[in-house]
Amino acid sequence: MKQVQRGFTLIELVMVIVILGILAAVAIPKFVDLSADARQASVQGVAGALSSGSAINYAAYSARGTGTAVATCEDAKGTLQGGTYPTNGGTYAAAVVGTFSATSGSSNTCTLTFTPTSGTPVTASFTAIKTP
C-alpha cells in the first residue's frame, strides 16, 4: 500500500521562515521613518493653513474693515479656526524671518516650528500678511 505524504517538510518550513525574515529586514526600515515624514507633513499643513488664513484675513480687512489684527507671525494663529494651533503632542511657535514689515498689506515670511514631546523639532515656512 502506498503511503501519502501529508504536511510540509522541515526544510520547506525553514525556507519560508528565512524568506519572511529577509522580507521583514527589507520592509521594516521603510516603515520606521514614516513618523518623521508624517510630522513634517503635519507641520507643513498647519503652515499652509496659516498662510491661507492670513490671506483671507487680509482680504476681509480690505473689503469690510474687519478681521484679526496680524502684527507678528505669532498673531497669524488667530486666523486659524478656533484661533489657536492644533494640539497634537507638542508645541508650536512662529517666528519672523528677518524683520516684520510695519506696512499694512505687506507680506512677511515666517517660520513655524513644532517641538514634539519626543523627537526632533520640525519647521515649515509660511507667509503672513500684515493687517492694521
C-alpha atoms as a PDB file:
ATOM      1  CA  MET A   1       0.000   0.000   0.000  1.00  0.00           C
ATOM      2  CA  LYS A   2       1.285   3.428  -0.981  1.00  0.00           C
ATOM      3  CA  GLN A   3       1.654   5.982   1.821  1.00  0.00           C
ATOM      4  CA  VAL A   4       0.524   9.567   1.003  1.00  0.00           C
ATOM      5  CA  GLN A   5       2.677  12.424   2.276  1.00  0.00           C
ATOM      6  CA  ARG A   6       0.822  14.989   4.376  1.00  0.00           C
ATOM      7  CA  GLY A   7       2.073  18.404   5.524  1.00  0.00           C
ATOM      8  CA  PHE A   8       5.337  20.192   4.860  1.00  0.00           C
ATOM      9  CA  THR A   9       8.849  19.001   5.458  1.00  0.00           C
ATOM     10  CA  LEU A  10      11.096  20.717   7.962  1.00  0.00           C
ATOM     11  CA  ILE A  11      13.248  22.146   5.168  1.00  0.00           C
ATOM     12  CA  GLU A  12      10.231  23.749   3.468  1.00  0.00           C
ATOM     13  CA  LEU A  13       9.126  25.380   6.732  1.00  0.00           C
ATOM     14  CA  VAL A  14      12.640  26.712   7.424  1.00  0.00           C
ATOM     15  CA  MET A  15      12.864  28.166   3.906  1.00  0.00           C
ATOM     16  CA  VAL A  16       9.546  30.002   4.366  1.00  0.00           C
ATOM     17  CA  ILE A  17      10.764  31.450   7.677  1.00  0.00           C
ATOM     18  CA  VAL A  18      14.033  32.585   6.060  1.00  0.00           C
ATOM     19  CA  ILE A  19      12.189  34.265   3.183  1.00  0.00           C
ATOM     20  CA  LEU A  20       9.835  36.050   5.599  1.00  0.00           C
ATOM     21  CA  GLY A  21      12.837  37.201   7.632  1.00  0.00           C
ATOM     22  CA  ILE A  22      14.505  38.665   4.545  1.00  0.00           C
ATOM     23  CA  LEU A  23      11.306  40.466   3.528  1.00  0.00           C
ATOM     24  CA  ALA A  24      10.886  41.867   7.052  1.00  0.00           C
ATOM     25  CA  ALA A  25      14.509  43.086   7.127  1.00  0.00           C
ATOM     26  CA  VAL A  26      13.943  44.959   3.861  1.00  0.00           C
ATOM     27  CA  ALA A  27      10.493  46.370   4.682  1.00  0.00           C
ATOM     28  CA  ILE A  28      10.895  47.477   8.331  1.00  0.00           C
ATOM     29  CA  PRO A  29      13.329  50.371   7.689  1.00  0.00           C
ATOM     30  CA  LYS A  30      10.864  51.875   5.213  1.00  0.00           C
ATOM     31  CA  PHE A  31       8.114  51.990   7.856  1.00  0.00           C
ATOM     32  CA  VAL A  32      10.260  53.084  10.796  1.00  0.00           C
ATOM     33  CA  ASP A  33      10.960  56.541   9.352  1.00  0.00           C
ATOM     34  CA  LEU A  34       7.344  57.289   8.430  1.00  0.00           C
ATOM     35  CA  SER A  35       6.648  59.090  11.715  1.00  0.00           C
ATOM     36  CA  ALA A  36       9.178  61.817  10.883  1.00  0.00           C
ATOM     37  CA  ASP A  37       7.660  62.247   7.411  1.00  0.00           C
ATOM     38  CA  ALA A  38       4.165  62.390   8.888  1.00  0.00           C
ATOM     39  CA  ARG A  39       5.239  65.015  11.426  1.00  0.00           C
ATOM     40  CA  GLN A  40       6.806  67.128   8.652  1.00  0.00           C
ATOM     41  CA  ALA A  41       3.657  66.870   6.527  1.00  0.00           C
ATOM     42  CA  SER A  42       1.529  67.852   9.511  1.00  0.00           C
ATOM     43  CA  VAL A  43       3.608  70.974  10.191  1.00  0.00           C
ATOM     44  CA  GLN A  44       3.518  71.917   6.509  1.00  0.00           C
ATOM     45  CA  GLY A  45      -0.273  71.579   6.598  1.00  0.00           C
ATOM     46  CA  VAL A  46      -0.522  73.930   9.580  1.00  0.00           C
ATOM     47  CA  ALA A  47       1.846  76.379   7.861  1.00  0.00           C
ATOM     48  CA  GLY A  48      -0.341  76.269   4.736  1.00  0.00           C
ATOM     49  CA  ALA A  49      -3.419  76.933   6.841  1.00  0.00           C
ATOM     50  CA  LEU A  50      -1.680  79.916   8.458  1.00  0.00           C
ATOM     51  CA  SER A  51      -0.718  81.310   5.063  1.00  0.00           C
ATOM     52  CA  SER A  52      -4.248  80.878   3.672  1.00  0.00           C
ATOM     53  CA  GLY A  53      -5.859  82.229   6.819  1.00  0.00           C
ATOM     54  CA  SER A  54      -3.636  85.269   6.717  1.00  0.00           C
ATOM     55  CA  ALA A  55      -4.531  85.964   3.068  1.00  0.00           C
ATOM     56  CA  ILE A  56      -8.271  85.564   3.751  1.00  0.00           C
ATOM     57  CA  ASN A  57      -7.955  87.762   6.823  1.00  0.00           C
ATOM     58  CA  TYR A  58      -6.246  90.499   4.800  1.00  0.00           C
ATOM     59  CA  ALA A  59      -8.975  90.269   2.143  1.00  0.00           C
ATOM     60  CA  ALA A  60     -11.634  90.673   4.857  1.00  0.00           C
ATOM     61  CA  TYR A  61      -9.815  93.738   6.209  1.00  0.00           C
ATOM     62  CA  SER A  62      -9.549  95.205   2.716  1.00  0.00           C
ATOM     63  CA  ALA A  63     -13.207  94.589   1.853  1.00  0.00           C
ATOM     64  CA  ARG A  64     -15.027  95.141   5.150  1.00  0.00           C
ATOM     65  CA  GLY A  65     -12.503  96.560   7.587  1.00  0.00           C
ATOM     66  CA  THR A  66     -12.994  93.618   9.973  1.00  0.00           C
ATOM     67  CA  GLY A  67     -10.855  90.631  10.883  1.00  0.00           C
ATOM     68  CA  THR A  68      -7.986  89.644  13.106  1.00  0.00           C
ATOM     69  CA  ALA A  69      -5.123  92.079  13.587  1.00  0.00           C
ATOM     70  CA  VAL A  70      -1.870  90.487  12.443  1.00  0.00           C
ATOM     71  CA  ALA A  71       1.191  92.426  13.593  1.00  0.00           C
ATOM     72  CA  THR A  72       3.569  89.493  14.145  1.00  0.00           C
ATOM     73  CA  CYS A  73       3.994  85.947  12.866  1.00  0.00           C
ATOM     74  CA  GLU A  74       2.569  84.599  16.124  1.00  0.00           C
ATOM     75  CA  ASP A  75      -0.591  86.726  15.614  1.00  0.00           C
ATOM     76  CA  ALA A  76      -1.323  84.756  12.431  1.00  0.00           C
ATOM     77  CA  LYS A  77      -2.556  81.846  14.564  1.00  0.00           C
ATOM     78  CA  GLY A  78      -5.642  83.974  15.272  1.00  0.00           C
ATOM     79  CA  THR A  79      -6.655  83.419  11.632  1.00  0.00           C
ATOM     80  CA  LEU A  80      -6.963  79.657  12.222  1.00  0.00           C
ATOM     81  CA  GLN A  81     -10.289  78.113  13.138  1.00  0.00           C
ATOM     82  CA  GLY A  82     -10.523  78.393  16.916  1.00  0.00           C
ATOM     83  CA  GLY A  83      -7.704  80.949  16.959  1.00  0.00           C
ATOM     84  CA  THR A  84      -5.066  78.506  18.222  1.00  0.00           C
ATOM     85  CA  TYR A  85      -2.614  75.947  16.944  1.00  0.00           C
ATOM     86  CA  PRO A  86      -3.720  72.307  16.853  1.00  0.00           C
ATOM     87  CA  THR A  87      -2.865  70.213  19.891  1.00  0.00           C
ATOM     88  CA  ASN A  88      -1.102  67.042  18.829  1.00  0.00           C
ATOM     89  CA  GLY A  89       1.620  66.113  21.270  1.00  0.00           C
ATOM     90  CA  GLY A  90       3.870  69.150  21.191  1.00  0.00           C
ATOM     91  CA  THR A  91       4.047  72.922  20.958  1.00  0.00           C
ATOM     92  CA  TYR A  92       4.088  75.318  18.012  1.00  0.00           C
ATOM     93  CA  ALA A  93       5.930  78.621  17.765  1.00  0.00           C
ATOM     94  CA  ALA A  94       6.073  81.082  14.866  1.00  0.00           C
ATOM     95  CA  ALA A  95       8.957  83.453  14.242  1.00  0.00           C
ATOM     96  CA  VAL A  96       9.657  86.019  11.557  1.00  0.00           C
ATOM     97  CA  VAL A  97      12.473  85.517   9.071  1.00  0.00           C
ATOM     98  CA  GLY A  98      14.276  88.860   9.026  1.00  0.00           C
ATOM     99  CA  THR A  99      12.217  91.894  10.079  1.00  0.00           C
ATOM    100  CA  PHE A 100       8.421  92.050  10.188  1.00  0.00           C
ATOM    101  CA  SER A 101       7.336  94.936   7.981  1.00  0.00           C
ATOM    102  CA  ALA A 102       5.226  97.628   9.645  1.00  0.00           C
ATOM    103  CA  THR A 103       3.315  98.483   6.449  1.00  0.00           C
ATOM    104  CA  SER A 104      -0.256  97.179   6.313  1.00  0.00           C
ATOM    105  CA  GLY A 105      -0.697  94.716   3.445  1.00  0.00           C
ATOM    106  CA  SER A 106       2.968  93.756   3.319  1.00  0.00           C
ATOM    107  CA  SER A 107       3.792  90.074   3.312  1.00  0.00           C
ATOM    108  CA  ASN A 108       6.349  88.578   5.639  1.00  0.00           C
ATOM    109  CA  THR A 109       7.998  85.165   5.586  1.00  0.00           C
ATOM    110  CA  CYS A 110       7.611  83.354   8.898  1.00  0.00           C
ATOM    111  CA  THR A 111       8.967  80.074  10.217  1.00  0.00           C
ATOM    112  CA  LEU A 112       6.670  77.712  12.099  1.00  0.00           C
ATOM    113  CA  THR A 113       8.471  75.355  14.493  1.00  0.00           C
ATOM    114  CA  PHE A 114       6.791  72.320  16.028  1.00  0.00           C
ATOM    115  CA  THR A 115       8.553  70.856  19.057  1.00  0.00           C
ATOM    116  CA  PRO A 116       7.156  67.389  19.822  1.00  0.00           C
ATOM    117  CA  THR A 117       7.152  65.909  23.308  1.00  0.00           C
ATOM    118  CA  SER A 118       9.638  63.337  21.995  1.00  0.00           C
ATOM    119  CA  GLY A 119      11.731  63.599  18.867  1.00  0.00           C
ATOM    120  CA  THR A 120      13.357  66.409  16.948  1.00  0.00           C
ATOM    121  CA  PRO A 121      11.692  69.763  16.166  1.00  0.00           C
ATOM    122  CA  VAL A 122      10.261  70.268  12.679  1.00  0.00           C
ATOM    123  CA  THR A 123       9.970  73.562  10.797  1.00  0.00           C
ATOM    124  CA  ALA A 124       7.997  74.905   7.850  1.00  0.00           C
ATOM    125  CA  SER A 125       7.616  78.393   6.416  1.00  0.00           C
ATOM    126  CA  PHE A 126       4.501  80.410   5.677  1.00  0.00           C
ATOM    127  CA  THR A 127       3.611  83.926   4.563  1.00  0.00           C
ATOM    128  CA  ALA A 128       1.828  86.288   6.946  1.00  0.00           C
ATOM    129  CA  ILE A 129       0.176  89.460   5.674  1.00  0.00           C
ATOM    130  CA  LYS A 130       0.230  92.490   7.960  1.00  0.00           C
ATOM    131  CA  THR A 131      -3.159  93.929   8.821  1.00  0.00           C
ATOM    132  CA  PRO A 132      -3.796  97.087  10.845  1.00  0.00           C
END
